[in-house]
C-alpha atoms as a PDB file:
ATOM      1  CA  MET A   1      38.974  75.317   2.991  1.00  0.00           C
ATOM      2  CA  ARG A   2      42.053  74.289   4.929  1.00  0.00           C
ATOM      3  CA  VAL A   3      42.142  70.497   4.892  1.00  0.00           C
ATOM      4  CA  LEU A   4      44.434  68.214   6.874  1.00  0.00           C
ATOM      5  CA  VAL A   5      44.841  64.723   5.392  1.00  0.00           C
ATOM      6  CA  THR A   6      46.460  62.108   7.604  1.00  0.00           C
ATOM      7  CA  GLY A   7      47.790  58.871   6.192  1.00  0.00           C
ATOM      8  CA  ALA A   8      49.004  60.923   3.237  1.00  0.00           C
ATOM      9  CA  GLY A   9      51.360  58.215   2.007  1.00  0.00           C
ATOM     10  CA  GLY A  10      48.600  55.685   1.379  1.00  0.00           C
ATOM     11  CA  MET A  11      46.779  54.476  -1.722  1.00  0.00           C
ATOM     12  CA  LEU A  12      43.610  56.534  -1.225  1.00  0.00           C
ATOM     13  CA  ALA A  13      45.589  59.673  -0.431  1.00  0.00           C
ATOM     14  CA  ALA A  14      47.415  59.367  -3.757  1.00  0.00           C
ATOM     15  CA  ASP A  15      44.111  60.113  -5.497  1.00  0.00           C
ATOM     16  CA  LEU A  16      42.559  62.368  -2.859  1.00  0.00           C
ATOM     17  CA  LEU A  17      45.352  64.923  -2.477  1.00  0.00           C
ATOM     18  CA  PRO A  18      45.456  66.096  -6.108  1.00  0.00           C
ATOM     19  CA  ARG A  19      41.669  66.262  -6.239  1.00  0.00           C
ATOM     20  CA  LEU A  20      41.542  68.443  -3.139  1.00  0.00           C
ATOM     21  CA  HIS A  21      44.150  70.774  -4.648  1.00  0.00           C
ATOM     22  CA  ALA A  22      42.202  70.898  -7.919  1.00  0.00           C
ATOM     23  CA  ALA A  23      39.058  71.859  -5.995  1.00  0.00           C
ATOM     24  CA  GLY A  24      40.884  74.891  -4.609  1.00  0.00           C
ATOM     25  CA  HIS A  25      41.470  73.710  -1.050  1.00  0.00           C
ATOM     26  CA  THR A  26      44.614  74.453   0.946  1.00  0.00           C
ATOM     27  CA  VAL A  27      45.897  71.003   1.843  1.00  0.00           C
ATOM     28  CA  THR A  28      48.264  69.794   4.539  1.00  0.00           C
ATOM     29  CA  ALA A  29      49.430  66.258   3.783  1.00  0.00           C
ATOM     30  CA  ALA A  30      50.608  64.419   6.900  1.00  0.00           C
ATOM     31  CA  GLY A  31      52.246  61.058   6.436  1.00  0.00           C
ATOM     32  CA  ARG A  32      53.416  58.683   9.144  1.00  0.00           C
ATOM     33  CA  ALA A  33      56.742  60.494   9.478  1.00  0.00           C
ATOM     34  CA  ASP A  34      54.968  63.842   9.839  1.00  0.00           C
ATOM     35  CA  LEU A  35      52.331  62.961  12.425  1.00  0.00           C
ATOM     36  CA  ASP A  36      51.990  60.202  14.988  1.00  0.00           C
ATOM     37  CA  ILE A  37      48.235  60.113  15.513  1.00  0.00           C
ATOM     38  CA  THR A  38      48.683  58.188  18.783  1.00  0.00           C
ATOM     39  CA  ASP A  39      50.280  61.364  20.199  1.00  0.00           C
ATOM     40  CA  ALA A  40      47.392  63.550  21.413  1.00  0.00           C
ATOM     41  CA  ALA A  41      49.463  66.726  21.705  1.00  0.00           C
ATOM     42  CA  ALA A  42      50.865  66.268  18.217  1.00  0.00           C
ATOM     43  CA  CYS A  43      47.321  65.874  16.894  1.00  0.00           C
ATOM     44  CA  GLU A  44      46.251  69.110  18.568  1.00  0.00           C
ATOM     45  CA  ARG A  45      49.123  70.984  16.921  1.00  0.00           C
ATOM     46  CA  ALA A  46      48.487  69.425  13.519  1.00  0.00           C
ATOM     47  CA  VAL A  47      44.730  70.036  13.491  1.00  0.00           C
ATOM     48  CA  ALA A  48      44.907  73.659  14.654  1.00  0.00           C
ATOM     49  CA  ARG A  49      43.775  76.204  12.057  1.00  0.00           C
ATOM     50  CA  HIS A  50      42.252  73.581   9.753  1.00  0.00           C
ATOM     51  CA  ASP A  51      38.602  73.474   8.713  1.00  0.00           C
ATOM     52  CA  VAL A  52      38.414  69.768   7.841  1.00  0.00           C
ATOM     53  CA  VAL A  53      40.399  66.714   8.932  1.00  0.00           C
ATOM     54  CA  VAL A  54      40.321  63.628   6.700  1.00  0.00           C
ATOM     55  CA  ASN A  55      41.718  60.681   8.626  1.00  0.00           C
ATOM     56  CA  LEU A  56      43.191  58.070   6.299  1.00  0.00           C
ATOM     57  CA  ALA A  57      45.808  56.940   8.819  1.00  0.00           C
ATOM     58  CA  ALA A  58      45.175  53.408  10.043  1.00  0.00           C
ATOM     59  CA  TRP A  59      46.587  50.001  10.802  1.00  0.00           C
ATOM     60  CA  THR A  60      45.405  48.169   7.680  1.00  0.00           C
ATOM     61  CA  ALA A  61      47.379  44.913   7.927  1.00  0.00           C
ATOM     62  CA  VAL A  62      44.291  42.795   8.547  1.00  0.00           C
ATOM     63  CA  ASP A  63      46.041  39.514   9.343  1.00  0.00           C
ATOM     64  CA  ASP A  64      48.789  41.072  11.461  1.00  0.00           C
ATOM     65  CA  ALA A  65      46.135  42.760  13.593  1.00  0.00           C
ATOM     66  CA  GLU A  66      45.090  39.332  14.899  1.00  0.00           C
ATOM     67  CA  SER A  67      48.409  38.990  16.735  1.00  0.00           C
ATOM     68  CA  HIS A  68      48.988  42.725  17.287  1.00  0.00           C
ATOM     69  CA  GLU A  69      45.537  43.940  18.330  1.00  0.00           C
ATOM     70  CA  ARG A  70      46.905  46.346  20.929  1.00  0.00           C
ATOM     71  CA  GLU A  71      49.019  48.113  18.305  1.00  0.00           C
ATOM     72  CA  ALA A  72      46.140  48.121  15.817  1.00  0.00           C
ATOM     73  CA  PHE A  73      43.837  49.542  18.506  1.00  0.00           C
ATOM     74  CA  ALA A  74      46.325  52.312  19.217  1.00  0.00           C
ATOM     75  CA  ALA A  75      46.203  53.479  15.607  1.00  0.00           C
ATOM     76  CA  ASN A  76      42.614  52.727  14.663  1.00  0.00           C
ATOM     77  CA  ALA A  77      40.875  53.694  17.899  1.00  0.00           C
ATOM     78  CA  PHE A  78      43.149  55.876  20.061  1.00  0.00           C
ATOM     79  CA  GLY A  79      44.542  57.665  17.013  1.00  0.00           C
ATOM     80  CA  ALA A  80      41.079  58.373  15.658  1.00  0.00           C
ATOM     81  CA  ALA A  81      40.008  59.594  19.108  1.00  0.00           C
ATOM     82  CA  ASN A  82      42.964  61.970  19.308  1.00  0.00           C
ATOM     83  CA  LEU A  83      42.119  63.491  15.938  1.00  0.00           C
ATOM     84  CA  ALA A  84      38.418  63.708  16.788  1.00  0.00           C
ATOM     85  CA  ARG A  85      39.093  65.461  20.070  1.00  0.00           C
ATOM     86  CA  ALA A  86      41.478  67.874  18.390  1.00  0.00           C
ATOM     87  CA  SER A  87      39.018  68.520  15.557  1.00  0.00           C
ATOM     88  CA  SER A  88      36.235  69.354  17.986  1.00  0.00           C
ATOM     89  CA  ALA A  89      38.492  71.727  19.906  1.00  0.00           C
ATOM     90  CA  ALA A  90      39.456  73.475  16.663  1.00  0.00           C
ATOM     91  CA  ASP A  91      35.859  73.659  15.395  1.00  0.00           C
ATOM     92  CA  ALA A  92      36.897  71.504  12.457  1.00  0.00           C
ATOM     93  CA  ARG A  93      34.783  68.889  10.755  1.00  0.00           C
ATOM     94  CA  MET A  94      36.171  65.371  10.410  1.00  0.00           C
ATOM     95  CA  VAL A  95      35.973  62.550   7.902  1.00  0.00           C
ATOM     96  CA  GLN A  96      36.837  59.140   9.349  1.00  0.00           C
ATOM     97  CA  LEU A  97      37.480  56.287   6.904  1.00  0.00           C
ATOM     98  CA  SER A  98      36.212  52.923   8.105  1.00  0.00           C
ATOM     99  CA  THR A  99      35.577  49.467   6.712  1.00  0.00           C
ATOM    100  CA  ASP A 100      33.138  46.704   5.834  1.00  0.00           C
ATOM    101  CA  TYR A 101      34.892  44.553   8.464  1.00  0.00           C
ATOM    102  CA  VAL A 102      32.706  46.173  11.146  1.00  0.00           C
ATOM    103  CA  PHE A 103      29.950  43.794   9.942  1.00  0.00           C
ATOM    104  CA  ASP A 104      29.785  40.027  10.470  1.00  0.00           C
ATOM    105  CA  GLY A 105      29.507  39.177   6.764  1.00  0.00           C
ATOM    106  CA  ASP A 106      26.480  36.908   7.206  1.00  0.00           C
ATOM    107  CA  ALA A 107      23.894  39.110   5.488  1.00  0.00           C
ATOM    108  CA  MET A 108      21.934  38.164   2.395  1.00  0.00           C
ATOM    109  CA  ALA A 109      21.151  41.746   1.366  1.00  0.00           C
ATOM    110  CA  PRO A 110      23.269  44.933   1.417  1.00  0.00           C
ATOM    111  CA  TYR A 111      24.115  46.281   4.857  1.00  0.00           C
ATOM    112  CA  ALA A 112      22.409  49.610   5.519  1.00  0.00           C
ATOM    113  CA  GLU A 113      24.354  52.379   7.174  1.00  0.00           C
ATOM    114  CA  ASP A 114      22.523  51.705  10.444  1.00  0.00           C
ATOM    115  CA  SER A 115      22.642  47.897  10.293  1.00  0.00           C
ATOM    116  CA  PRO A 116      23.871  46.227  13.494  1.00  0.00           C
ATOM    117  CA  THR A 117      27.620  45.772  13.543  1.00  0.00           C
ATOM    118  CA  GLY A 118      29.410  42.601  14.608  1.00  0.00           C
ATOM    119  CA  PRO A 119      33.091  42.470  13.661  1.00  0.00           C
ATOM    120  CA  ARG A 120      34.772  39.061  13.691  1.00  0.00           C
ATOM    121  CA  SER A 121      38.378  40.184  13.388  1.00  0.00           C
ATOM    122  CA  ALA A 122      40.753  42.322  15.410  1.00  0.00           C
ATOM    123  CA  TYR A 123      40.946  44.748  12.514  1.00  0.00           C
ATOM    124  CA  GLY A 124      37.168  45.100  12.448  1.00  0.00           C
ATOM    125  CA  ARG A 125      36.962  45.581  16.203  1.00  0.00           C
ATOM    126  CA  THR A 126      39.595  48.309  16.219  1.00  0.00           C
ATOM    127  CA  LYS A 127      38.037  50.164  13.294  1.00  0.00           C
ATOM    128  CA  LEU A 128      34.599  49.997  14.916  1.00  0.00           C
ATOM    129  CA  ALA A 129      36.071  51.435  18.108  1.00  0.00           C
ATOM    130  CA  GLY A 130      37.460  54.267  15.996  1.00  0.00           C
ATOM    131  CA  GLU A 131      33.998  54.949  14.600  1.00  0.00           C
ATOM    132  CA  TRP A 132      32.539  55.176  18.089  1.00  0.00           C
ATOM    133  CA  ALA A 133      35.314  57.498  19.224  1.00  0.00           C
ATOM    134  CA  VAL A 134      34.867  59.876  16.310  1.00  0.00           C
ATOM    135  CA  ARG A 135      31.086  60.060  16.632  1.00  0.00           C
ATOM    136  CA  THR A 136      31.359  60.698  20.374  1.00  0.00           C
ATOM    137  CA  LEU A 137      34.218  63.183  20.426  1.00  0.00           C
ATOM    138  CA  CYS A 138      33.511  65.074  17.194  1.00  0.00           C
ATOM    139  CA  PRO A 139      29.780  65.203  16.441  1.00  0.00           C
ATOM    140  CA  ASP A 140      30.512  67.267  13.312  1.00  0.00           C
ATOM    141  CA  SER A 141      31.913  64.238  11.535  1.00  0.00           C
ATOM    142  CA  TRP A 142      31.251  61.801   8.732  1.00  0.00           C
ATOM    143  CA  VAL A 143      32.209  58.151   8.993  1.00  0.00           C
ATOM    144  CA  VAL A 144      32.731  56.717   5.507  1.00  0.00           C
ATOM    145  CA  ARG A 145      32.991  52.938   5.301  1.00  0.00           C
ATOM    146  CA  THR A 146      34.683  51.509   2.255  1.00  0.00           C
ATOM    147  CA  ALA A 147      35.827  48.097   1.033  1.00  0.00           C
ATOM    148  CA  TRP A 148      37.760  46.235  -1.664  1.00  0.00           C
ATOM    149  CA  LEU A 149      39.798  49.324  -2.531  1.00  0.00           C
ATOM    150  CA  TYR A 150      42.218  49.388  -5.420  1.00  0.00           C
ATOM    151  CA  GLY A 151      44.225  52.143  -7.057  1.00  0.00           C
ATOM    152  CA  ALA A 152      47.471  53.089  -8.720  1.00  0.00           C
ATOM    153  CA  GLY A 153      48.907  54.449  -5.478  1.00  0.00           C
ATOM    154  CA  GLY A 154      49.390  51.172  -3.620  1.00  0.00           C
ATOM    155  CA  ARG A 155      49.154  47.409  -3.538  1.00  0.00           C
ATOM    156  CA  SER A 156      45.754  45.868  -4.213  1.00  0.00           C
ATOM    157  CA  PHE A 157      44.016  42.762  -5.516  1.00  0.00           C
ATOM    158  CA  VAL A 158      43.470  44.424  -8.880  1.00  0.00           C
ATOM    159  CA  GLY A 159      47.149  45.260  -9.142  1.00  0.00           C
ATOM    160  CA  THR A 160      48.082  41.683  -8.266  1.00  0.00           C
ATOM    161  CA  MET A 161      45.696  40.276 -10.881  1.00  0.00           C
ATOM    162  CA  ALA A 162      47.056  42.691 -13.483  1.00  0.00           C
ATOM    163  CA  ARG A 163      50.556  41.387 -12.791  1.00  0.00           C
ATOM    164  CA  LEU A 164      49.474  37.741 -12.884  1.00  0.00           C
ATOM    165  CA  ALA A 165      47.522  38.299 -16.102  1.00  0.00           C
ATOM    166  CA  SER A 166      50.738  38.932 -17.979  1.00  0.00           C
ATOM    167  CA  GLY A 167      52.138  35.559 -16.898  1.00  0.00           C
ATOM    168  CA  ASP A 168      51.229  31.985 -17.727  1.00  0.00           C
ATOM    169  CA  GLY A 169      49.271  29.185 -16.120  1.00  0.00           C
ATOM    170  CA  PRO A 170      46.091  29.050 -14.063  1.00  0.00           C
ATOM    171  CA  VAL A 171      45.178  31.547 -11.329  1.00  0.00           C
ATOM    172  CA  ASP A 172      42.879  30.243  -8.571  1.00  0.00           C
ATOM    173  CA  VAL A 173      40.625  32.914  -7.067  1.00  0.00           C
ATOM    174  CA  VAL A 174      38.025  32.753  -4.303  1.00  0.00           C
ATOM    175  CA  ASP A 175      34.429  32.733  -5.530  1.00  0.00           C
ATOM    176  CA  ASP A 176      32.548  32.537  -2.198  1.00  0.00           C
ATOM    177  CA  GLN A 177      33.165  36.092  -0.960  1.00  0.00           C
ATOM    178  CA  ARG A 178      31.170  38.999  -2.390  1.00  0.00           C
ATOM    179  CA  GLY A 179      31.838  42.694  -2.171  1.00  0.00           C
ATOM    180  CA  GLN A 180      32.101  45.934  -4.104  1.00  0.00           C
ATOM    181  CA  PRO A 181      35.390  46.611  -5.910  1.00  0.00           C
ATOM    182  CA  THR A 182      35.974  50.324  -5.345  1.00  0.00           C
ATOM    183  CA  TRP A 183      38.442  52.514  -7.220  1.00  0.00           C
ATOM    184  CA  THR A 184      40.267  55.033  -5.049  1.00  0.00           C
ATOM    185  CA  GLY A 185      39.733  57.653  -7.743  1.00  0.00           C
ATOM    186  CA  ASP A 186      35.965  57.402  -7.417  1.00  0.00           C
ATOM    187  CA  LEU A 187      36.071  57.381  -3.616  1.00  0.00           C
ATOM    188  CA  ALA A 188      38.380  60.406  -3.623  1.00  0.00           C
ATOM    189  CA  ASP A 189      35.923  62.306  -5.829  1.00  0.00           C
ATOM    190  CA  GLN A 190      33.135  61.406  -3.411  1.00  0.00           C
ATOM    191  CA  LEU A 191      35.094  62.637  -0.402  1.00  0.00           C
ATOM    192  CA  VAL A 192      35.750  65.961  -2.133  1.00  0.00           C
ATOM    193  CA  ARG A 193      32.021  66.284  -2.828  1.00  0.00           C
ATOM    194  CA  LEU A 194      31.182  65.356   0.750  1.00  0.00           C
ATOM    195  CA  ILE A 195      33.330  67.960   2.471  1.00  0.00           C
ATOM    196  CA  ALA A 196      32.001  70.667   0.138  1.00  0.00           C
ATOM    197  CA  SER A 197      28.386  69.682   0.827  1.00  0.00           C
ATOM    198  CA  GLN A 198      25.824  70.304   3.506  1.00  0.00           C
ATOM    199  CA  ALA A 199      25.305  66.561   3.973  1.00  0.00           C
ATOM    200  CA  PRO A 200      24.142  65.618   7.460  1.00  0.00           C
ATOM    201  CA  PHE A 201      26.854  64.253   9.678  1.00  0.00           C
ATOM    202  CA  GLY A 202      26.733  60.513  10.208  1.00  0.00           C
ATOM    203  CA  THR A 203      27.702  57.263   8.545  1.00  0.00           C
ATOM    204  CA  TYR A 204      27.949  56.733   4.787  1.00  0.00           C
ATOM    205  CA  HIS A 205      29.048  53.798   2.659  1.00  0.00           C
ATOM    206  CA  GLY A 206      31.737  54.745   0.154  1.00  0.00           C
ATOM    207  CA  THR A 207      31.716  51.701  -2.115  1.00  0.00           C
ATOM    208  CA  ALA A 208      30.980  51.185  -5.788  1.00  0.00           C
ATOM    209  CA  SER A 209      27.546  50.170  -7.011  1.00  0.00           C
ATOM    210  CA  GLY A 210      26.924  46.562  -7.963  1.00  0.00           C
ATOM    211  CA  ASP A 211      28.755  43.602  -6.459  1.00  0.00           C
ATOM    212  CA  ALA A 212      31.102  40.807  -7.439  1.00  0.00           C
ATOM    213  CA  SER A 213      33.121  37.928  -6.098  1.00  0.00           C
ATOM    214  CA  TRP A 214      36.901  38.025  -6.141  1.00  0.00           C
ATOM    215  CA  TYR A 215      36.670  35.537  -8.998  1.00  0.00           C
ATOM    216  CA  ASP A 216      34.374  37.879 -10.949  1.00  0.00           C
ATOM    217  CA  LEU A 217      36.775  40.751 -10.363  1.00  0.00           C
ATOM    218  CA  ALA A 218      39.809  38.738 -11.442  1.00  0.00           C
ATOM    219  CA  ARG A 219      38.075  37.731 -14.681  1.00  0.00           C
ATOM    220  CA  ALA A 220      37.142  41.360 -15.325  1.00  0.00           C
ATOM    221  CA  VAL A 221      40.780  42.421 -14.868  1.00  0.00           C
ATOM    222  CA  PHE A 222      42.032  39.712 -17.238  1.00  0.00           C
ATOM    223  CA  ALA A 223      39.386  40.606 -19.813  1.00  0.00           C
ATOM    224  CA  GLY A 224      40.033  44.329 -19.500  1.00  0.00           C
ATOM    225  CA  LEU A 225      43.731  43.809 -20.173  1.00  0.00           C
ATOM    226  CA  GLY A 226      43.093  41.487 -23.103  1.00  0.00           C
ATOM    227  CA  HIS A 227      44.224  38.257 -21.445  1.00  0.00           C
ATOM    228  CA  ASP A 228      42.630  34.794 -21.432  1.00  0.00           C
ATOM    229  CA  VAL A 229      39.947  34.746 -18.734  1.00  0.00           C
ATOM    230  CA  ALA A 230      39.881  30.940 -18.863  1.00  0.00           C
ATOM    231  CA  ARG A 231      43.111  30.979 -16.865  1.00  0.00           C
ATOM    232  CA  VAL A 232      41.129  32.267 -13.864  1.00  0.00           C
ATOM    233  CA  ARG A 233      39.671  29.333 -11.930  1.00  0.00           C
ATOM    234  CA  PRO A 234      37.137  29.537  -9.067  1.00  0.00           C
ATOM    235  CA  THR A 235      37.969  28.151  -5.643  1.00  0.00           C
ATOM    236  CA  THR A 236      36.709  28.546  -2.064  1.00  0.00           C
ATOM    237  CA  SER A 237      37.940  30.419   0.977  1.00  0.00           C
ATOM    238  CA  ALA A 238      38.987  27.090   2.474  1.00  0.00           C
ATOM    239  CA  ALA A 239      41.838  27.026  -0.029  1.00  0.00           C
ATOM    240  CA  PHE A 240      43.236  30.299   1.331  1.00  0.00           C
ATOM    241  CA  VAL A 241      43.030  30.114   5.124  1.00  0.00           C
ATOM    242  CA  ARG A 242      44.180  33.377   6.714  1.00  0.00           C
ATOM    243  CA  PRO A 243      44.661  34.441  10.360  1.00  0.00           C
ATOM    244  CA  ALA A 244      41.791  36.951  10.137  1.00  0.00           C
ATOM    245  CA  PRO A 245      38.357  35.750   8.981  1.00  0.00           C
ATOM    246  CA  ARG A 246      37.123  37.437   5.809  1.00  0.00           C
ATOM    247  CA  PRO A 247      33.472  38.505   5.566  1.00  0.00           C
ATOM    248  CA  ALA A 248      31.638  36.264   3.122  1.00  0.00           C
ATOM    249  CA  TYR A 249      29.283  39.119   2.224  1.00  0.00           C
ATOM    250  CA  SER A 250      30.615  42.674   2.172  1.00  0.00           C
ATOM    251  CA  VAL A 251      27.988  44.442   0.084  1.00  0.00           C
ATOM    252  CA  LEU A 252      27.046  47.810   1.564  1.00  0.00           C
ATOM    253  CA  GLY A 253      23.902  49.848   0.942  1.00  0.00           C
ATOM    254  CA  HIS A 254      24.039  53.462  -0.210  1.00  0.00           C
ATOM    255  CA  ASP A 255      20.679  54.984   0.710  1.00  0.00           C
ATOM    256  CA  ARG A 256      22.111  57.801   2.811  1.00  0.00           C
ATOM    257  CA  TRP A 257      23.854  59.457  -0.160  1.00  0.00           C
ATOM    258  CA  ALA A 258      20.535  60.043  -1.901  1.00  0.00           C
ATOM    259  CA  ARG A 259      18.994  61.468   1.266  1.00  0.00           C
ATOM    260  CA  ALA A 260      21.965  63.850   1.492  1.00  0.00           C
ATOM    261  CA  GLY A 261      21.523  64.953  -2.115  1.00  0.00           C
ATOM    262  CA  LEU A 262      24.749  63.349  -3.311  1.00  0.00           C
ATOM    263  CA  PRO A 263      25.237  60.704  -6.013  1.00  0.00           C
ATOM    264  CA  THR A 264      26.282  57.174  -5.204  1.00  0.00           C
ATOM    265  CA  LEU A 265      29.511  55.822  -6.628  1.00  0.00           C
ATOM    266  CA  ARG A 266      29.123  54.350 -10.109  1.00  0.00           C
ATOM    267  CA  ASP A 267      29.075  50.666 -11.018  1.00  0.00           C
ATOM    268  CA  TRP A 268      32.334  48.885 -10.297  1.00  0.00           C
ATOM    269  CA  ARG A 269      32.683  47.600 -13.858  1.00  0.00           C
ATOM    270  CA  THR A 270      32.564  51.088 -15.378  1.00  0.00           C
ATOM    271  CA  ALA A 271      35.104  52.352 -12.871  1.00  0.00           C
ATOM    272  CA  LEU A 272      37.421  49.388 -13.501  1.00  0.00           C
ATOM    273  CA  ASP A 273      37.418  50.102 -17.238  1.00  0.00           C
ATOM    274  CA  GLU A 274      38.711  53.610 -16.541  1.00  0.00           C
ATOM    275  CA  ALA A 275      41.151  52.598 -13.808  1.00  0.00           C
ATOM    276  CA  LEU A 276      42.831  49.606 -15.452  1.00  0.00           C
ATOM    277  CA  PRO A 277      45.047  51.610 -17.845  1.00  0.00           C
ATOM    278  CA  LEU A 278      46.397  53.473 -14.816  1.00  0.00           C
ATOM    279  CA  ILE A 279      47.073  50.283 -12.848  1.00  0.00           C
ATOM    280  CA  GLY A 280      47.797  47.502 -15.330  1.00  0.00           C
END
């Protein structure tokens, strides 16, 4: 298939692009300098003659979005709408990457794909608007929500912990937020499977199995790299106040993969063991 990948300079794209090539697809990689997704005409030209559009382009600076919501909305909502409209006109299918921030973070059990949304940050609001736009303008689309991403192709919490592990002294890490550490390599494999499948269009959760706190993840990184885990100390979110509120509970359910005949992503610990040599 002919696949257009936007946001081609990002961390997820670094793992997705080679996997798409390896699967035999003809890939057009469009970075920020190649395509302004807020330009509707440019999106029409870029999408033409493609079979699938994978939209990885987004405003992902969560804290900056609080003071620049209009700019974040332009990328995350208007940009997604432009690509969705162009995809529909070209009879192309679309994959829209979204986020756990569309939920309020107050749950006590994993959020199902159809759980009510309730974003509490500008970033979450703009990404949710992008979901709505894609579903409305390109019915032949999959929305894939992900969270706690890390990979060798960009900055991430895992990369930061790997760097700090080689130093000295204590490292204080939040222990009152839970989520699913997700390796970009595993998510990229899942996206390749998805676009080659007959999975029903709709919303899927592209996160690893299992869950952890940031503190748990930091200890796993230290241990995996052979460093003293006792240097990692638990603390609370109150110690790291940020402009954008972080969801306390970002664990997503995966039932829709099974119904579509596709595997869920593996446990985060197994994935971390494989990813750490590439990152740390």
